Amino acid sequence: MSRLVLVTGGSSGLGKAIAVRFLAGGDSVVITGRTADTVEQSAQEIGARGVRCDASSPTDVEALCGGLGGRVDVLVNTAGGNTDLSASGRGESLSGIAAAWRANLEANLISAVLTTMAVLPLIPSGGSVVNVGSIGAEYAGSSYGAAKAAVAAWTAGLSAQVGPRGITANTISPGYIEDTAFFHGQLSDERRDALIAATHDQRAGKPDDIAAATLFLASDGARHITGQNLHINGGAFTTR
């Protein structure tokens, strides 16, 4: 039977690659994003349904859930990103620091929490929640790293909460992934080379590396895997 898969942040990057994987397996997919034109264009391109939704907005999330038809089999929270890389002019004042931290927490943690709490009543036994974390949760001394660390910790607790209902909850923590807009054009050649050198297999990750693992965690073969943080970063987690 075809499942209904909701991928937040699914209009680009990792989310889009994940949506494509589920669609290829015969599932129905809803993707979300903050920009209506981008979401609609991506949805038409891959054959998904697109919904404009800011996952950190309670109003948007409530409206999204009201249109999902009463059932979601798989929830994948990819919405987020390092807001420090797309912001400017905040400065080092306390108010600037507070704004930077709030932005990353809202984009990465609050978005996942709000969407998950809203969708959970729609997820049946056998369903799955997969949250995208980051290798930065372990090594980045920043608001982004802290937000992603919180995602992993919260997901572990979520697993205990939903496990008795037959639902799994896991985190995937990517390292450096090429072919995404994560760095907003700010990645130097030297930094790229260093990120690849930190891996055991001496290559950058690809969006489909994350998509394939997400598909597995939502499969029948992964029903006893829950509360985990799966690092998909070529071993860079052990060498940074």
C-alpha atoms as a PDB file:
ATOM      1  CA  MET A   1       0.000   0.000   0.000  1.00  0.00           C
ATOM      2  CA  SER A   2       1.299   3.455  -0.875  1.00  0.00           C
ATOM      3  CA  ARG A   3       2.345   5.483   2.148  1.00  0.00           C
ATOM      4  CA  LEU A   4       1.923   9.215   2.682  1.00  0.00           C
ATOM      5  CA  VAL A   5       5.314  10.782   3.351  1.00  0.00           C
ATOM      6  CA  LEU A   6       5.707  14.376   4.556  1.00  0.00           C
ATOM      7  CA  VAL A   7       9.109  15.983   3.929  1.00  0.00           C
ATOM      8  CA  THR A   8       9.581  19.440   5.403  1.00  0.00           C
ATOM      9  CA  GLY A   9      12.117  21.524   3.536  1.00  0.00           C
ATOM     10  CA  GLY A  10      11.547  19.178   0.617  1.00  0.00           C
ATOM     11  CA  SER A  11      11.752  21.734  -2.162  1.00  0.00           C
ATOM     12  CA  SER A  12      15.556  21.652  -2.400  1.00  0.00           C
ATOM     13  CA  GLY A  13      18.745  19.971  -1.253  1.00  0.00           C
ATOM     14  CA  LEU A  14      18.526  16.955   1.030  1.00  0.00           C
ATOM     15  CA  GLY A  15      14.766  17.203   1.388  1.00  0.00           C
ATOM     16  CA  LYS A  16      14.221  17.082  -2.347  1.00  0.00           C
ATOM     17  CA  ALA A  17      16.549  14.084  -2.728  1.00  0.00           C
ATOM     18  CA  ILE A  18      14.687  12.294   0.062  1.00  0.00           C
ATOM     19  CA  ALA A  19      11.333  13.025  -1.566  1.00  0.00           C
ATOM     20  CA  VAL A  20      12.573  11.607  -4.873  1.00  0.00           C
ATOM     21  CA  ARG A  21      13.660   8.374  -3.157  1.00  0.00           C
ATOM     22  CA  PHE A  22      10.255   7.813  -1.566  1.00  0.00           C
ATOM     23  CA  LEU A  23       8.448   8.652  -4.793  1.00  0.00           C
ATOM     24  CA  ALA A  24      10.587   6.105  -6.648  1.00  0.00           C
ATOM     25  CA  GLY A  25       9.409   3.484  -4.163  1.00  0.00           C
ATOM     26  CA  GLY A  26       5.770   4.185  -4.943  1.00  0.00           C
ATOM     27  CA  ASP A  27       4.915   6.395  -1.982  1.00  0.00           C
ATOM     28  CA  SER A  28       2.881   9.588  -2.141  1.00  0.00           C
ATOM     29  CA  VAL A  29       4.922  12.581  -0.991  1.00  0.00           C
ATOM     30  CA  VAL A  30       4.069  16.038   0.297  1.00  0.00           C
ATOM     31  CA  ILE A  31       6.950  18.525   0.348  1.00  0.00           C
ATOM     32  CA  THR A  32       7.002  21.861   2.114  1.00  0.00           C
ATOM     33  CA  GLY A  33       9.056  25.022   1.960  1.00  0.00           C
ATOM     34  CA  ARG A  34       8.808  28.673   2.878  1.00  0.00           C
ATOM     35  CA  THR A  35       8.623  30.027  -0.685  1.00  0.00           C
ATOM     36  CA  ALA A  36       5.466  29.161  -2.617  1.00  0.00           C
ATOM     37  CA  ASP A  37       7.002  29.417  -6.093  1.00  0.00           C
ATOM     38  CA  THR A  38       9.965  27.231  -5.211  1.00  0.00           C
ATOM     39  CA  VAL A  39       7.804  24.584  -3.556  1.00  0.00           C
ATOM     40  CA  GLU A  40       5.390  24.436  -6.478  1.00  0.00           C
ATOM     41  CA  GLN A  41       8.164  24.257  -9.053  1.00  0.00           C
ATOM     42  CA  SER A  42       9.934  21.424  -7.210  1.00  0.00           C
ATOM     43  CA  ALA A  43       6.685  19.552  -6.643  1.00  0.00           C
ATOM     44  CA  GLN A  44       5.831  19.649 -10.336  1.00  0.00           C
ATOM     45  CA  GLU A  45       9.371  18.613 -11.258  1.00  0.00           C
ATOM     46  CA  ILE A  46       9.441  15.467  -9.114  1.00  0.00           C
ATOM     47  CA  GLY A  47       5.751  14.555  -9.009  1.00  0.00           C
ATOM     48  CA  ALA A  48       5.016  15.411  -5.396  1.00  0.00           C
ATOM     49  CA  ARG A  49       2.407  17.648  -3.805  1.00  0.00           C
ATOM     50  CA  GLY A  50       3.791  20.987  -2.663  1.00  0.00           C
ATOM     51  CA  VAL A  51       2.589  23.096   0.260  1.00  0.00           C
ATOM     52  CA  ARG A  52       4.020  26.442   1.304  1.00  0.00           C
ATOM     53  CA  CYS A  53       4.787  26.212   5.019  1.00  0.00           C
ATOM     54  CA  ASP A  54       7.216  27.879   7.385  1.00  0.00           C
ATOM     55  CA  ALA A  55       7.816  24.962   9.736  1.00  0.00           C
ATOM     56  CA  SER A  56       8.715  27.302  12.590  1.00  0.00           C
ATOM     57  CA  SER A  57       5.296  28.987  12.391  1.00  0.00           C
ATOM     58  CA  PRO A  58       2.548  27.358  14.508  1.00  0.00           C
ATOM     59  CA  THR A  59      -0.105  28.856  12.235  1.00  0.00           C
ATOM     60  CA  ASP A  60       1.499  27.469   9.081  1.00  0.00           C
ATOM     61  CA  VAL A  61       2.017  24.034  10.624  1.00  0.00           C
ATOM     62  CA  GLU A  62      -1.585  23.827  11.799  1.00  0.00           C
ATOM     63  CA  ALA A  63      -2.804  24.736   8.322  1.00  0.00           C
ATOM     64  CA  LEU A  64      -0.487  22.142   6.779  1.00  0.00           C
ATOM     65  CA  CYS A  65      -1.737  19.337   9.012  1.00  0.00           C
ATOM     66  CA  GLY A  66      -5.342  20.238   8.320  1.00  0.00           C
ATOM     67  CA  GLY A  67      -4.810  19.379   4.671  1.00  0.00           C
ATOM     68  CA  LEU A  68      -3.022  16.046   5.013  1.00  0.00           C
ATOM     69  CA  GLY A  69      -6.100  13.841   4.942  1.00  0.00           C
ATOM     70  CA  GLY A  70      -5.858  12.453   8.451  1.00  0.00           C
ATOM     71  CA  ARG A  71      -2.858  10.140   7.977  1.00  0.00           C
ATOM     72  CA  VAL A  72       0.916  10.504   7.638  1.00  0.00           C
ATOM     73  CA  ASP A  73       2.989   7.322   7.565  1.00  0.00           C
ATOM     74  CA  VAL A  74       6.439   8.890   7.493  1.00  0.00           C
ATOM     75  CA  LEU A  75       7.558  12.335   8.656  1.00  0.00           C
ATOM     76  CA  VAL A  76      10.974  13.594   7.603  1.00  0.00           C
ATOM     77  CA  ASN A  77      12.072  16.915   9.101  1.00  0.00           C
ATOM     78  CA  THR A  78      14.752  18.431   6.884  1.00  0.00           C
ATOM     79  CA  ALA A  79      13.670  22.071   7.160  1.00  0.00           C
ATOM     80  CA  GLY A  80      16.437  24.223   8.609  1.00  0.00           C
ATOM     81  CA  GLY A  81      20.015  25.171   7.855  1.00  0.00           C
ATOM     82  CA  ASN A  82      22.698  27.359   9.370  1.00  0.00           C
ATOM     83  CA  THR A  83      21.031  30.759   9.544  1.00  0.00           C
ATOM     84  CA  ASP A  84      24.366  32.352  10.472  1.00  0.00           C
ATOM     85  CA  LEU A  85      25.478  31.793   6.865  1.00  0.00           C
ATOM     86  CA  SER A  86      22.520  33.658   5.406  1.00  0.00           C
ATOM     87  CA  ALA A  87      22.419  36.526   7.907  1.00  0.00           C
ATOM     88  CA  SER A  88      24.358  39.772   8.000  1.00  0.00           C
ATOM     89  CA  GLY A  89      24.630  42.803  10.186  1.00  0.00           C
ATOM     90  CA  ARG A  90      23.787  41.199  13.518  1.00  0.00           C
ATOM     91  CA  GLY A  91      27.132  42.085  15.036  1.00  0.00           C
ATOM     92  CA  GLU A  92      28.558  40.929  18.339  1.00  0.00           C
ATOM     93  CA  SER A  93      26.265  42.868  20.659  1.00  0.00           C
ATOM     94  CA  LEU A  94      24.203  40.835  23.098  1.00  0.00           C
ATOM     95  CA  SER A  95      21.072  41.590  21.096  1.00  0.00           C
ATOM     96  CA  GLY A  96      22.814  40.423  17.928  1.00  0.00           C
ATOM     97  CA  ILE A  97      23.987  37.227  19.593  1.00  0.00           C
ATOM     98  CA  ALA A  98      20.501  36.565  20.940  1.00  0.00           C
ATOM     99  CA  ALA A  99      18.997  37.091  17.494  1.00  0.00           C
ATOM    100  CA  ALA A 100      21.503  34.702  15.910  1.00  0.00           C
ATOM    101  CA  TRP A 101      20.820  31.959  18.443  1.00  0.00           C
ATOM    102  CA  ARG A 102      17.066  32.353  18.254  1.00  0.00           C
ATOM    103  CA  ALA A 103      17.174  32.173  14.458  1.00  0.00           C
ATOM    104  CA  ASN A 104      19.059  28.868  14.402  1.00  0.00           C
ATOM    105  CA  LEU A 105      16.974  27.348  17.181  1.00  0.00           C
ATOM    106  CA  GLU A 106      13.744  28.294  15.415  1.00  0.00           C
ATOM    107  CA  ALA A 107      14.928  27.097  12.000  1.00  0.00           C
ATOM    108  CA  ASN A 108      16.307  23.753  13.146  1.00  0.00           C
ATOM    109  CA  LEU A 109      14.809  22.724  16.498  1.00  0.00           C
ATOM    110  CA  ILE A 110      11.493  24.530  16.853  1.00  0.00           C
ATOM    111  CA  SER A 111      10.523  23.685  13.273  1.00  0.00           C
ATOM    112  CA  ALA A 112      11.051  19.959  13.896  1.00  0.00           C
ATOM    113  CA  VAL A 113       9.280  20.027  17.264  1.00  0.00           C
ATOM    114  CA  LEU A 114       6.226  21.926  16.009  1.00  0.00           C
ATOM    115  CA  THR A 115       5.774  19.796  12.914  1.00  0.00           C
ATOM    116  CA  THR A 116       6.271  16.533  14.769  1.00  0.00           C
ATOM    117  CA  MET A 117       3.899  17.410  17.601  1.00  0.00           C
ATOM    118  CA  ALA A 118       1.244  18.442  15.084  1.00  0.00           C
ATOM    119  CA  VAL A 119       1.657  15.363  12.879  1.00  0.00           C
ATOM    120  CA  LEU A 120       2.062  12.705  15.590  1.00  0.00           C
ATOM    121  CA  PRO A 121      -1.698  12.137  16.031  1.00  0.00           C
ATOM    122  CA  LEU A 122      -1.820  11.284  12.315  1.00  0.00           C
ATOM    123  CA  ILE A 123       0.984   8.687  12.386  1.00  0.00           C
ATOM    124  CA  PRO A 124      -0.206   5.069  12.741  1.00  0.00           C
ATOM    125  CA  SER A 125       1.598   2.097  14.205  1.00  0.00           C
ATOM    126  CA  GLY A 126       4.410   1.174  11.847  1.00  0.00           C
ATOM    127  CA  GLY A 127       5.109   4.830  11.102  1.00  0.00           C
ATOM    128  CA  SER A 128       8.422   6.636  11.333  1.00  0.00           C
ATOM    129  CA  VAL A 129       9.892  10.026  12.173  1.00  0.00           C
ATOM    130  CA  VAL A 130      13.321  10.913  10.791  1.00  0.00           C
ATOM    131  CA  ASN A 131      14.954  14.182  11.825  1.00  0.00           C
ATOM    132  CA  VAL A 132      17.994  15.609  10.071  1.00  0.00           C
ATOM    133  CA  GLY A 133      20.753  16.584  12.487  1.00  0.00           C
ATOM    134  CA  SER A 134      24.367  17.408  11.662  1.00  0.00           C
ATOM    135  CA  ILE A 135      27.948  16.451  12.366  1.00  0.00           C
ATOM    136  CA  GLY A 136      28.145  20.048  13.569  1.00  0.00           C
ATOM    137  CA  ALA A 137      26.241  19.022  16.690  1.00  0.00           C
ATOM    138  CA  GLU A 138      29.448  17.442  17.952  1.00  0.00           C
ATOM    139  CA  TYR A 139      32.069  19.913  16.788  1.00  0.00           C
ATOM    140  CA  ALA A 140      30.588  23.287  15.880  1.00  0.00           C
ATOM    141  CA  GLY A 141      30.801  25.789  18.714  1.00  0.00           C
ATOM    142  CA  SER A 142      27.888  27.753  17.361  1.00  0.00           C
ATOM    143  CA  SER A 143      24.160  28.273  17.614  1.00  0.00           C
ATOM    144  CA  TYR A 144      23.736  25.920  14.638  1.00  0.00           C
ATOM    145  CA  GLY A 145      25.682  23.118  16.327  1.00  0.00           C
ATOM    146  CA  ALA A 146      23.750  23.612  19.546  1.00  0.00           C
ATOM    147  CA  ALA A 147      20.424  23.535  17.697  1.00  0.00           C
ATOM    148  CA  LYS A 148      21.309  20.296  15.922  1.00  0.00           C
ATOM    149  CA  ALA A 149      22.552  18.744  19.180  1.00  0.00           C
ATOM    150  CA  ALA A 150      19.188  19.596  20.682  1.00  0.00           C
ATOM    151  CA  VAL A 151      17.440  17.911  17.741  1.00  0.00           C
ATOM    152  CA  ALA A 152      19.312  14.663  18.404  1.00  0.00           C
ATOM    153  CA  ALA A 153      18.663  14.761  22.153  1.00  0.00           C
ATOM    154  CA  TRP A 154      14.987  15.558  21.682  1.00  0.00           C
ATOM    155  CA  THR A 155      14.601  12.798  19.089  1.00  0.00           C
ATOM    156  CA  ALA A 156      15.984  10.224  21.535  1.00  0.00           C
ATOM    157  CA  GLY A 157      13.321  11.240  24.017  1.00  0.00           C
ATOM    158  CA  LEU A 158      10.673  11.253  21.314  1.00  0.00           C
ATOM    159  CA  SER A 159      11.562   7.649  20.503  1.00  0.00           C
ATOM    160  CA  ALA A 160      10.727   6.604  24.054  1.00  0.00           C
ATOM    161  CA  GLN A 161       7.475   8.540  23.879  1.00  0.00           C
ATOM    162  CA  VAL A 162       6.185   7.063  20.623  1.00  0.00           C
ATOM    163  CA  GLY A 163       7.757   3.608  20.784  1.00  0.00           C
ATOM    164  CA  PRO A 164       4.805   2.034  22.611  1.00  0.00           C
ATOM    165  CA  ARG A 165       2.624   3.160  19.693  1.00  0.00           C
ATOM    166  CA  GLY A 166       4.802   1.237  17.223  1.00  0.00           C
ATOM    167  CA  ILE A 167       6.447   4.382  15.824  1.00  0.00           C
ATOM    168  CA  THR A 168      10.203   4.805  15.393  1.00  0.00           C
ATOM    169  CA  ALA A 169      12.094   8.079  15.727  1.00  0.00           C
ATOM    170  CA  ASN A 170      15.695   8.572  14.614  1.00  0.00           C
ATOM    171  CA  THR A 171      18.175  11.294  13.724  1.00  0.00           C
ATOM    172  CA  ILE A 172      20.452  11.309  10.695  1.00  0.00           C
ATOM    173  CA  SER A 173      23.596  13.432  10.992  1.00  0.00           C
ATOM    174  CA  PRO A 174      25.214  14.302   7.658  1.00  0.00           C
ATOM    175  CA  GLY A 175      28.685  15.695   7.204  1.00  0.00           C
ATOM    176  CA  TYR A 176      29.720  17.762   4.202  1.00  0.00           C
ATOM    177  CA  ILE A 177      27.246  17.186   1.371  1.00  0.00           C
ATOM    178  CA  GLU A 178      27.895  18.530  -2.109  1.00  0.00           C
ATOM    179  CA  ASP A 179      25.220  19.792  -4.510  1.00  0.00           C
ATOM    180  CA  THR A 180      23.292  21.688  -1.843  1.00  0.00           C
ATOM    181  CA  ALA A 181      23.074  25.388  -1.019  1.00  0.00           C
ATOM    182  CA  PHE A 182      23.997  24.865   2.643  1.00  0.00           C
ATOM    183  CA  PHE A 183      27.076  27.100   2.585  1.00  0.00           C
ATOM    184  CA  HIS A 184      25.411  29.865   0.546  1.00  0.00           C
ATOM    185  CA  GLY A 185      28.472  30.124  -1.698  1.00  0.00           C
ATOM    186  CA  GLN A 186      30.805  30.771   1.233  1.00  0.00           C
ATOM    187  CA  LEU A 187      32.776  27.498   1.121  1.00  0.00           C
ATOM    188  CA  SER A 188      36.374  28.064   0.039  1.00  0.00           C
ATOM    189  CA  ASP A 189      38.323  25.461  -1.906  1.00  0.00           C
ATOM    190  CA  GLU A 190      40.645  25.038   1.068  1.00  0.00           C
ATOM    191  CA  ARG A 191      37.768  24.401   3.452  1.00  0.00           C
ATOM    192  CA  ARG A 192      36.156  21.969   1.014  1.00  0.00           C
ATOM    193  CA  ASP A 193      39.411  20.032   0.696  1.00  0.00           C
ATOM    194  CA  ALA A 194      39.746  19.862   4.489  1.00  0.00           C
ATOM    195  CA  LEU A 195      36.196  18.548   4.908  1.00  0.00           C
ATOM    196  CA  ILE A 196      36.822  15.801   2.356  1.00  0.00           C
ATOM    197  CA  ALA A 197      40.209  14.955   3.879  1.00  0.00           C
ATOM    198  CA  ALA A 198      38.456  14.362   7.221  1.00  0.00           C
ATOM    199  CA  THR A 199      36.461  11.474   5.740  1.00  0.00           C
ATOM    200  CA  HIS A 200      37.714   7.885   5.668  1.00  0.00           C
ATOM    201  CA  ASP A 201      36.592   7.346   2.083  1.00  0.00           C
ATOM    202  CA  GLN A 202      38.042  10.628   0.838  1.00  0.00           C
ATOM    203  CA  ARG A 203      34.909  11.946  -0.819  1.00  0.00           C
ATOM    204  CA  ALA A 204      32.165  14.424  -0.195  1.00  0.00           C
ATOM    205  CA  GLY A 205      28.735  13.159   0.675  1.00  0.00           C
ATOM    206  CA  LYS A 206      25.910  13.244  -1.839  1.00  0.00           C
ATOM    207  CA  PRO A 207      22.252  14.053  -1.206  1.00  0.00           C
ATOM    208  CA  ASP A 208      21.319  10.507  -2.177  1.00  0.00           C
ATOM    209  CA  ASP A 209      23.539   9.126   0.604  1.00  0.00           C
ATOM    210  CA  ILE A 210      21.154  10.764   3.054  1.00  0.00           C
ATOM    211  CA  ALA A 211      18.063   9.900   1.039  1.00  0.00           C
ATOM    212  CA  ALA A 212      18.906   6.192   0.905  1.00  0.00           C
ATOM    213  CA  ALA A 213      19.474   6.017   4.653  1.00  0.00           C
ATOM    214  CA  THR A 214      16.224   7.862   5.344  1.00  0.00           C
ATOM    215  CA  LEU A 215      14.318   5.429   3.161  1.00  0.00           C
ATOM    216  CA  PHE A 216      15.852   2.532   5.086  1.00  0.00           C
ATOM    217  CA  LEU A 217      14.975   3.973   8.498  1.00  0.00           C
ATOM    218  CA  ALA A 218      11.364   4.209   7.347  1.00  0.00           C
ATOM    219  CA  SER A 219      11.328   0.631   6.057  1.00  0.00           C
ATOM    220  CA  ASP A 220      10.123  -2.635   7.567  1.00  0.00           C
ATOM    221  CA  GLY A 221      13.755  -3.683   7.937  1.00  0.00           C
ATOM    222  CA  ALA A 222      14.389  -0.916  10.460  1.00  0.00           C
ATOM    223  CA  ARG A 223      11.478  -1.447  12.843  1.00  0.00           C
ATOM    224  CA  HIS A 224      13.810  -2.246  15.764  1.00  0.00           C
ATOM    225  CA  ILE A 225      16.045   0.754  15.081  1.00  0.00           C
ATOM    226  CA  THR A 226      14.841   3.743  17.082  1.00  0.00           C
ATOM    227  CA  GLY A 227      16.265   6.463  19.294  1.00  0.00           C
ATOM    228  CA  GLN A 228      19.463   6.431  17.243  1.00  0.00           C
ATOM    229  CA  ASN A 229      21.667   9.137  15.749  1.00  0.00           C
ATOM    230  CA  LEU A 230      23.005   7.720  12.493  1.00  0.00           C
ATOM    231  CA  HIS A 231      26.130   9.514  11.312  1.00  0.00           C
ATOM    232  CA  ILE A 232      26.411   9.582   7.516  1.00  0.00           C
ATOM    233  CA  ASN A 233      29.620  11.486   6.953  1.00  0.00           C
ATOM    234  CA  GLY A 234      32.224   9.049   5.665  1.00  0.00           C
ATOM    235  CA  GLY A 235      33.707   8.598   9.140  1.00  0.00           C
ATOM    236  CA  ALA A 236      34.442  12.311   9.525  1.00  0.00           C
ATOM    237  CA  PHE A 237      32.618  12.125  12.850  1.00  0.00           C
ATOM    238  CA  THR A 238      35.629  10.231  14.237  1.00  0.00           C
ATOM    239  CA  THR A 239      38.385  12.413  12.787  1.00  0.00           C
ATOM    240  CA  ARG A 240      37.329  16.045  13.167  1.00  0.00           C
END
